[in-house]
Amino acid sequence: MRERKLKLVITFPSTTQAIAMEKKCGENGAAGRLIPVPRQISAGCGIAWCAEVSEREYLEEFIGEFGVQYEHIYEIKI
């Protein structure tokens, strides 16, 4: 069985916002990737952004700068 690791998971109110996050991160070299929302979390959209916990502060600033709408930011083991 794979060991679960603490990750940063950002949920979005819509798929449009999740895709906007992926696009902006790709254009600007921000770490992370889209994943299905983990079962421990319920969200308005079935897609979430996953990154290392150490990227939290950077990604919070990044989201604010580019105006991506999100629901919550979690630190969970997945």
PDB file of N, CA and C in Angstrom:
ATOM      1  N   MET A   1       0.844  -1.192   0.000  1.00  0.00           N
ATOM      2  CA  MET A   1       0.000   0.000   0.000  1.00  0.00           C
ATOM      3  C   MET A   1       0.883   1.248   0.000  1.00  0.00           C
ATOM      4  N   ARG A   2       0.493   2.204  -0.764  1.00  0.00           N
ATOM      5  CA  ARG A   2       1.242   3.451  -0.875  1.00  0.00           C
ATOM      6  C   ARG A   2       1.096   4.285   0.388  1.00  0.00           C
ATOM      7  N   GLU A   3       2.208   4.869   0.835  1.00  0.00           N
ATOM      8  CA  GLU A   3       2.182   5.729   2.022  1.00  0.00           C
ATOM      9  C   GLU A   3       1.527   7.066   1.679  1.00  0.00           C
ATOM     10  N   ARG A   4       0.618   7.484   2.537  1.00  0.00           N
ATOM     11  CA  ARG A   4      -0.039   8.778   2.342  1.00  0.00           C
ATOM     12  C   ARG A   4       0.882   9.891   2.809  1.00  0.00           C
ATOM     13  N   LYS A   5       0.901  10.987   2.048  1.00  0.00           N
ATOM     14  CA  LYS A   5       1.743  12.132   2.388  1.00  0.00           C
ATOM     15  C   LYS A   5       0.869  13.364   2.523  1.00  0.00           C
ATOM     16  N   LEU A   6       1.299  14.278   3.388  1.00  0.00           N
ATOM     17  CA  LEU A   6       0.582  15.530   3.582  1.00  0.00           C
ATOM     18  C   LEU A   6       0.736  16.391   2.329  1.00  0.00           C
ATOM     19  N   LYS A   7      -0.400  16.805   1.764  1.00  0.00           N
ATOM     20  CA  LYS A   7      -0.411  17.614   0.550  1.00  0.00           C
ATOM     21  C   LYS A   7      -1.325  18.814   0.733  1.00  0.00           C
ATOM     22  N   LEU A   8      -1.092  19.819  -0.060  1.00  0.00           N
ATOM     23  CA  LEU A   8      -1.949  20.992  -0.125  1.00  0.00           C
ATOM     24  C   LEU A   8      -2.978  20.727  -1.219  1.00  0.00           C
ATOM     25  N   VAL A   9      -4.260  20.872  -0.904  1.00  0.00           N
ATOM     26  CA  VAL A   9      -5.319  20.634  -1.874  1.00  0.00           C
ATOM     27  C   VAL A   9      -6.221  21.869  -1.900  1.00  0.00           C
ATOM     28  N   ILE A  10      -6.389  22.439  -3.087  1.00  0.00           N
ATOM     29  CA  ILE A  10      -7.219  23.624  -3.266  1.00  0.00           C
ATOM     30  C   ILE A  10      -8.450  23.215  -4.061  1.00  0.00           C
ATOM     31  N   THR A  11      -9.632  23.519  -3.519  1.00  0.00           N
ATOM     32  CA  THR A  11     -10.874  23.199  -4.223  1.00  0.00           C
ATOM     33  C   THR A  11     -11.456  24.458  -4.853  1.00  0.00           C
ATOM     34  N   PHE A  12     -12.293  24.253  -5.862  1.00  0.00           N
ATOM     35  CA  PHE A  12     -12.834  25.351  -6.651  1.00  0.00           C
ATOM     36  C   PHE A  12     -14.354  25.247  -6.752  1.00  0.00           C
ATOM     37  N   PRO A  13     -15.031  26.371  -6.953  1.00  0.00           N
ATOM     38  CA  PRO A  13     -16.490  26.348  -7.078  1.00  0.00           C
ATOM     39  C   PRO A  13     -16.967  25.824  -8.432  1.00  0.00           C
ATOM     40  N   SER A  14     -16.061  25.805  -9.420  1.00  0.00           N
ATOM     41  CA  SER A  14     -16.458  25.340 -10.751  1.00  0.00           C
ATOM     42  C   SER A  14     -15.254  24.770 -11.491  1.00  0.00           C
ATOM     43  N   THR A  15     -15.548  23.953 -12.480  1.00  0.00           N
ATOM     44  CA  THR A  15     -14.492  23.390 -13.320  1.00  0.00           C
ATOM     45  C   THR A  15     -13.754  24.500 -14.057  1.00  0.00           C
ATOM     46  N   THR A  16     -14.461  25.546 -14.426  1.00  0.00           N
ATOM     47  CA  THR A  16     -13.851  26.679 -15.124  1.00  0.00           C
ATOM     48  C   THR A  16     -12.713  27.274 -14.296  1.00  0.00           C
ATOM     49  N   GLN A  17     -12.929  27.432 -12.995  1.00  0.00           N
ATOM     50  CA  GLN A  17     -11.895  27.994 -12.125  1.00  0.00           C
ATOM     51  C   GLN A  17     -10.718  27.027 -11.963  1.00  0.00           C
ATOM     52  N   ALA A  18     -10.995  25.733 -11.901  1.00  0.00           N
ATOM     53  CA  ALA A  18      -9.928  24.734 -11.796  1.00  0.00           C
ATOM     54  C   ALA A  18      -9.047  24.774 -13.048  1.00  0.00           C
ATOM     55  N   ILE A  19      -9.671  24.862 -14.202  1.00  0.00           N
ATOM     56  CA  ILE A  19      -8.927  24.929 -15.460  1.00  0.00           C
ATOM     57  C   ILE A  19      -8.149  26.245 -15.553  1.00  0.00           C
ATOM     58  N   ALA A  20      -8.731  27.337 -15.069  1.00  0.00           N
ATOM     59  CA  ALA A  20      -8.024  28.625 -15.048  1.00  0.00           C
ATOM     60  C   ALA A  20      -6.771  28.524 -14.183  1.00  0.00           C
ATOM     61  N   MET A  21      -6.872  27.830 -13.044  1.00  0.00           N
ATOM     62  CA  MET A  21      -5.714  27.635 -12.170  1.00  0.00           C
ATOM     63  C   MET A  21      -4.629  26.853 -12.910  1.00  0.00           C
ATOM     64  N   GLU A  22      -5.024  25.781 -13.585  1.00  0.00           N
ATOM     65  CA  GLU A  22      -4.051  24.975 -14.323  1.00  0.00           C
ATOM     66  C   GLU A  22      -3.356  25.814 -15.398  1.00  0.00           C
ATOM     67  N   LYS A  23      -4.124  26.588 -16.115  1.00  0.00           N
ATOM     68  CA  LYS A  23      -3.568  27.425 -17.184  1.00  0.00           C
ATOM     69  C   LYS A  23      -2.585  28.453 -16.633  1.00  0.00           C
ATOM     70  N   LYS A  24      -3.000  29.187 -15.599  1.00  0.00           N
ATOM     71  CA  LYS A  24      -2.131  30.225 -15.014  1.00  0.00           C
ATOM     72  C   LYS A  24      -0.865  29.610 -14.407  1.00  0.00           C
ATOM     73  N   CYS A  25      -1.011  28.471 -13.747  1.00  0.00           N
ATOM     74  CA  CYS A  25       0.162  27.819 -13.153  1.00  0.00           C
ATOM     75  C   CYS A  25       1.127  27.349 -14.241  1.00  0.00           C
ATOM     76  N   GLY A  26       0.583  26.803 -15.323  1.00  0.00           N
ATOM     77  CA  GLY A  26       1.424  26.370 -16.437  1.00  0.00           C
ATOM     78  C   GLY A  26       2.180  27.526 -17.077  1.00  0.00           C
ATOM     79  N   GLU A  27       1.505  28.644 -17.245  1.00  0.00           N
ATOM     80  CA  GLU A  27       2.123  29.825 -17.855  1.00  0.00           C
ATOM     81  C   GLU A  27       3.194  30.442 -16.965  1.00  0.00           C
ATOM     82  N   ASN A  28       3.069  30.244 -15.652  1.00  0.00           N
ATOM     83  CA  ASN A  28       3.972  30.907 -14.709  1.00  0.00           C
ATOM     84  C   ASN A  28       4.870  29.960 -13.927  1.00  0.00           C
ATOM     85  N   GLY A  29       4.857  28.681 -14.285  1.00  0.00           N
ATOM     86  CA  GLY A  29       5.765  27.715 -13.660  1.00  0.00           C
ATOM     87  C   GLY A  29       5.452  27.395 -12.211  1.00  0.00           C
ATOM     88  N   ALA A  30       4.210  27.573 -11.789  1.00  0.00           N
ATOM     89  CA  ALA A  30       3.838  27.254 -10.402  1.00  0.00           C
ATOM     90  C   ALA A  30       3.694  25.738 -10.247  1.00  0.00           C
ATOM     91  N   ALA A  31       4.079  25.251  -9.089  1.00  0.00           N
ATOM     92  CA  ALA A  31       4.067  23.814  -8.820  1.00  0.00           C
ATOM     93  C   ALA A  31       2.656  23.292  -8.584  1.00  0.00           C
ATOM     94  N   GLY A  32       2.442  22.034  -8.950  1.00  0.00           N
ATOM     95  CA  GLY A  32       1.185  21.368  -8.659  1.00  0.00           C
ATOM     96  C   GLY A  32       0.550  20.781  -9.904  1.00  0.00           C
ATOM     97  N   ARG A  33      -0.627  20.152  -9.677  1.00  0.00           N
ATOM     98  CA  ARG A  33      -1.356  19.538 -10.781  1.00  0.00           C
ATOM     99  C   ARG A  33      -2.811  19.358 -10.388  1.00  0.00           C
ATOM    100  N   LEU A  34      -3.667  19.181 -11.386  1.00  0.00           N
ATOM    101  CA  LEU A  34      -5.080  18.915 -11.123  1.00  0.00           C
ATOM    102  C   LEU A  34      -5.253  17.447 -10.734  1.00  0.00           C
ATOM    103  N   ILE A  35      -6.141  17.222  -9.757  1.00  0.00           N
ATOM    104  CA  ILE A  35      -6.477  15.869  -9.315  1.00  0.00           C
ATOM    105  C   ILE A  35      -7.988  15.807  -9.078  1.00  0.00           C
ATOM    106  N   PRO A  36      -8.562  14.607  -9.033  1.00  0.00           N
ATOM    107  CA  PRO A  36      -9.950  14.504  -8.577  1.00  0.00           C
ATOM    108  C   PRO A  36     -10.017  14.907  -7.101  1.00  0.00           C
ATOM    109  N   VAL A  37     -11.086  15.534  -6.678  1.00  0.00           N
ATOM    110  CA  VAL A  37     -11.217  15.933  -5.275  1.00  0.00           C
ATOM    111  C   VAL A  37     -11.159  14.671  -4.403  1.00  0.00           C
ATOM    112  N   PRO A  38     -10.272  14.644  -3.404  1.00  0.00           N
ATOM    113  CA  PRO A  38     -10.191  13.480  -2.511  1.00  0.00           C
ATOM    114  C   PRO A  38     -11.515  13.231  -1.778  1.00  0.00           C
ATOM    115  N   ARG A  39     -11.774  11.996  -1.436  1.00  0.00           N
ATOM    116  CA  ARG A  39     -13.031  11.622  -0.774  1.00  0.00           C
ATOM    117  C   ARG A  39     -13.242  12.326   0.557  1.00  0.00           C
ATOM    118  N   GLN A  40     -12.146  12.686   1.237  1.00  0.00           N
ATOM    119  CA  GLN A  40     -12.258  13.350   2.539  1.00  0.00           C
ATOM    120  C   GLN A  40     -12.856  14.753   2.420  1.00  0.00           C
ATOM    121  N   ILE A  41     -12.901  15.277   1.206  1.00  0.00           N
ATOM    122  CA  ILE A  41     -13.339  16.658   0.973  1.00  0.00           C
ATOM    123  C   ILE A  41     -14.578  16.640   0.086  1.00  0.00           C
ATOM    124  N   SER A  42     -15.527  17.507   0.387  1.00  0.00           N
ATOM    125  CA  SER A  42     -16.623  17.703  -0.566  1.00  0.00           C
ATOM    126  C   SER A  42     -16.473  19.100  -1.128  1.00  0.00           C
ATOM    127  N   ALA A  43     -16.746  19.248  -2.412  1.00  0.00           N
ATOM    128  CA  ALA A  43     -16.557  20.543  -3.052  1.00  0.00           C
ATOM    129  C   ALA A  43     -17.585  20.726  -4.157  1.00  0.00           C
ATOM    130  N   GLY A  44     -17.752  21.961  -4.598  1.00  0.00           N
ATOM    131  CA  GLY A  44     -18.688  22.266  -5.661  1.00  0.00           C
ATOM    132  C   GLY A  44     -18.243  21.722  -7.007  1.00  0.00           C
ATOM    133  N   CYS A  45     -16.979  21.477  -7.155  1.00  0.00           N
ATOM    134  CA  CYS A  45     -16.398  21.000  -8.405  1.00  0.00           C
ATOM    135  C   CYS A  45     -15.637  19.720  -8.104  1.00  0.00           C
ATOM    136  N   GLY A  46     -15.573  18.798  -9.026  1.00  0.00           N
ATOM    137  CA  GLY A  46     -14.904  17.518  -8.789  1.00  0.00           C
ATOM    138  C   GLY A  46     -13.416  17.532  -9.046  1.00  0.00           C
ATOM    139  N   ILE A  47     -12.848  18.718  -9.320  1.00  0.00           N
ATOM    140  CA  ILE A  47     -11.420  18.824  -9.615  1.00  0.00           C
ATOM    141  C   ILE A  47     -10.761  19.734  -8.580  1.00  0.00           C
ATOM    142  N   ALA A  48      -9.556  19.360  -8.156  1.00  0.00           N
ATOM    143  CA  ALA A  48      -8.814  20.156  -7.173  1.00  0.00           C
ATOM    144  C   ALA A  48      -7.368  20.324  -7.643  1.00  0.00           C
ATOM    145  N   TRP A  49      -6.684  21.301  -7.059  1.00  0.00           N
ATOM    146  CA  TRP A  49      -5.258  21.518  -7.329  1.00  0.00           C
ATOM    147  C   TRP A  49      -4.474  20.906  -6.186  1.00  0.00           C
ATOM    148  N   CYS A  50      -3.463  20.126  -6.507  1.00  0.00           N
ATOM    149  CA  CYS A  50      -2.641  19.472  -5.489  1.00  0.00           C
ATOM    150  C   CYS A  50      -1.202  19.939  -5.628  1.00  0.00           C
ATOM    151  N   ALA A  51      -0.587  20.277  -4.498  1.00  0.00           N
ATOM    152  CA  ALA A  51       0.806  20.720  -4.486  1.00  0.00           C
ATOM    153  C   ALA A  51       1.415  20.353  -3.134  1.00  0.00           C
ATOM    154  N   GLU A  52       2.694  20.575  -3.013  1.00  0.00           N
ATOM    155  CA  GLU A  52       3.378  20.353  -1.738  1.00  0.00           C
ATOM    156  C   GLU A  52       2.920  21.414  -0.739  1.00  0.00           C
ATOM    157  N   VAL A  53       2.842  21.034   0.523  1.00  0.00           N
ATOM    158  CA  VAL A  53       2.422  21.957   1.585  1.00  0.00           C
ATOM    159  C   VAL A  53       3.345  23.172   1.637  1.00  0.00           C
ATOM    160  N   SER A  54       4.609  22.982   1.330  1.00  0.00           N
ATOM    161  CA  SER A  54       5.572  24.086   1.363  1.00  0.00           C
ATOM    162  C   SER A  54       5.250  25.188   0.342  1.00  0.00           C
ATOM    163  N   GLU A  55       4.383  24.903  -0.618  1.00  0.00           N
ATOM    164  CA  GLU A  55       4.001  25.878  -1.642  1.00  0.00           C
ATOM    165  C   GLU A  55       2.800  26.724  -1.239  1.00  0.00           C
ATOM    166  N   ARG A  56       2.252  26.510  -0.043  1.00  0.00           N
ATOM    167  CA  ARG A  56       1.004  27.162   0.359  1.00  0.00           C
ATOM    168  C   ARG A  56       1.053  28.684   0.244  1.00  0.00           C
ATOM    169  N   GLU A  57       2.022  29.316   0.865  1.00  0.00           N
ATOM    170  CA  GLU A  57       2.091  30.781   0.867  1.00  0.00           C
ATOM    171  C   GLU A  57       2.198  31.324  -0.558  1.00  0.00           C
ATOM    172  N   TYR A  58       3.054  30.703  -1.352  1.00  0.00           N
ATOM    173  CA  TYR A  58       3.220  31.134  -2.739  1.00  0.00           C
ATOM    174  C   TYR A  58       1.909  31.008  -3.509  1.00  0.00           C
ATOM    175  N   LEU A  59       1.226  29.855  -3.377  1.00  0.00           N
ATOM    176  CA  LEU A  59      -0.009  29.642  -4.125  1.00  0.00           C
ATOM    177  C   LEU A  59      -1.140  30.563  -3.650  1.00  0.00           C
ATOM    178  N   GLU A  60      -1.183  30.876  -2.364  1.00  0.00           N
ATOM    179  CA  GLU A  60      -2.194  31.826  -1.880  1.00  0.00           C
ATOM    180  C   GLU A  60      -1.980  33.198  -2.523  1.00  0.00           C
ATOM    181  N   GLU A  61      -0.741  33.644  -2.598  1.00  0.00           N
ATOM    182  CA  GLU A  61      -0.434  34.920  -3.254  1.00  0.00           C
ATOM    183  C   GLU A  61      -0.741  34.836  -4.747  1.00  0.00           C
ATOM    184  N   PHE A  62      -0.385  33.716  -5.356  1.00  0.00           N
ATOM    185  CA  PHE A  62      -0.603  33.481  -6.775  1.00  0.00           C
ATOM    186  C   PHE A  62      -2.092  33.576  -7.119  1.00  0.00           C
ATOM    187  N   ILE A  63      -2.922  32.913  -6.334  1.00  0.00           N
ATOM    188  CA  ILE A  63      -4.374  32.935  -6.545  1.00  0.00           C
ATOM    189  C   ILE A  63      -4.903  34.367  -6.452  1.00  0.00           C
ATOM    190  N   GLY A  64      -4.431  35.107  -5.456  1.00  0.00           N
ATOM    191  CA  GLY A  64      -4.853  36.498  -5.299  1.00  0.00           C
ATOM    192  C   GLY A  64      -4.429  37.368  -6.466  1.00  0.00           C
ATOM    193  N   GLU A  65      -3.216  37.171  -6.923  1.00  0.00           N
ATOM    194  CA  GLU A  65      -2.687  37.973  -8.025  1.00  0.00           C
ATOM    195  C   GLU A  65      -3.456  37.735  -9.319  1.00  0.00           C
ATOM    196  N   PHE A  66      -3.811  36.485  -9.592  1.00  0.00           N
ATOM    197  CA  PHE A  66      -4.467  36.162 -10.857  1.00  0.00           C
ATOM    198  C   PHE A  66      -5.985  36.074 -10.746  1.00  0.00           C
ATOM    199  N   GLY A  67      -6.533  36.287  -9.556  1.00  0.00           N
ATOM    200  CA  GLY A  67      -7.980  36.346  -9.383  1.00  0.00           C
ATOM    201  C   GLY A  67      -8.708  35.030  -9.590  1.00  0.00           C
ATOM    202  N   VAL A  68      -8.018  33.909  -9.359  1.00  0.00           N
ATOM    203  CA  VAL A  68      -8.681  32.609  -9.482  1.00  0.00           C
ATOM    204  C   VAL A  68      -9.572  32.421  -8.253  1.00  0.00           C
ATOM    205  N   GLN A  69     -10.828  32.076  -8.473  1.00  0.00           N
ATOM    206  CA  GLN A  69     -11.750  31.843  -7.360  1.00  0.00           C
ATOM    207  C   GLN A  69     -11.571  30.418  -6.854  1.00  0.00           C
ATOM    208  N   TYR A  70     -11.509  30.266  -5.539  1.00  0.00           N
ATOM    209  CA  TYR A  70     -11.382  28.940  -4.949  1.00  0.00           C
ATOM    210  C   TYR A  70     -12.342  28.837  -3.778  1.00  0.00           C
ATOM    211  N   GLU A  71     -12.611  27.605  -3.348  1.00  0.00           N
ATOM    212  CA  GLU A  71     -13.489  27.396  -2.196  1.00  0.00           C
ATOM    213  C   GLU A  71     -12.675  27.320  -0.916  1.00  0.00           C
ATOM    214  N   HIS A  72     -11.778  26.334  -0.843  1.00  0.00           N
ATOM    215  CA  HIS A  72     -10.991  26.116   0.382  1.00  0.00           C
ATOM    216  C   HIS A  72      -9.590  25.645   0.040  1.00  0.00           C
ATOM    217  N   ILE A  73      -8.695  25.823   1.015  1.00  0.00           N
ATOM    218  CA  ILE A  73      -7.344  25.276   0.915  1.00  0.00           C
ATOM    219  C   ILE A  73      -7.184  24.329   2.101  1.00  0.00           C
ATOM    220  N   TYR A  74      -6.857  23.085   1.790  1.00  0.00           N
ATOM    221  CA  TYR A  74      -6.716  22.038   2.816  1.00  0.00           C
ATOM    222  C   TYR A  74      -5.293  21.535   2.862  1.00  0.00           C
ATOM    223  N   GLU A  75      -4.894  21.034   4.007  1.00  0.00           N
ATOM    224  CA  GLU A  75      -3.671  20.247   4.148  1.00  0.00           C
ATOM    225  C   GLU A  75      -4.127  18.874   4.631  1.00  0.00           C
ATOM    226  N   ILE A  76      -4.078  17.894   3.730  1.00  0.00           N
ATOM    227  CA  ILE A  76      -4.573  16.553   4.057  1.00  0.00           C
ATOM    228  C   ILE A  76      -3.594  15.495   3.577  1.00  0.00           C
ATOM    229  N   LYS A  77      -3.690  14.334   4.179  1.00  0.00           N
ATOM    230  CA  LYS A  77      -2.874  13.207   3.725  1.00  0.00           C
ATOM    231  C   LYS A  77      -3.607  12.485   2.608  1.00  0.00           C
ATOM    232  N   ILE A  78      -2.929  12.402   1.473  1.00  0.00           N
ATOM    233  CA  ILE A  78      -3.504  11.660   0.336  1.00  0.00           C
ATOM    234  C   ILE A  78      -2.440  10.773  -0.277  1.00  0.00           C
TER     235      ILE A  78
END
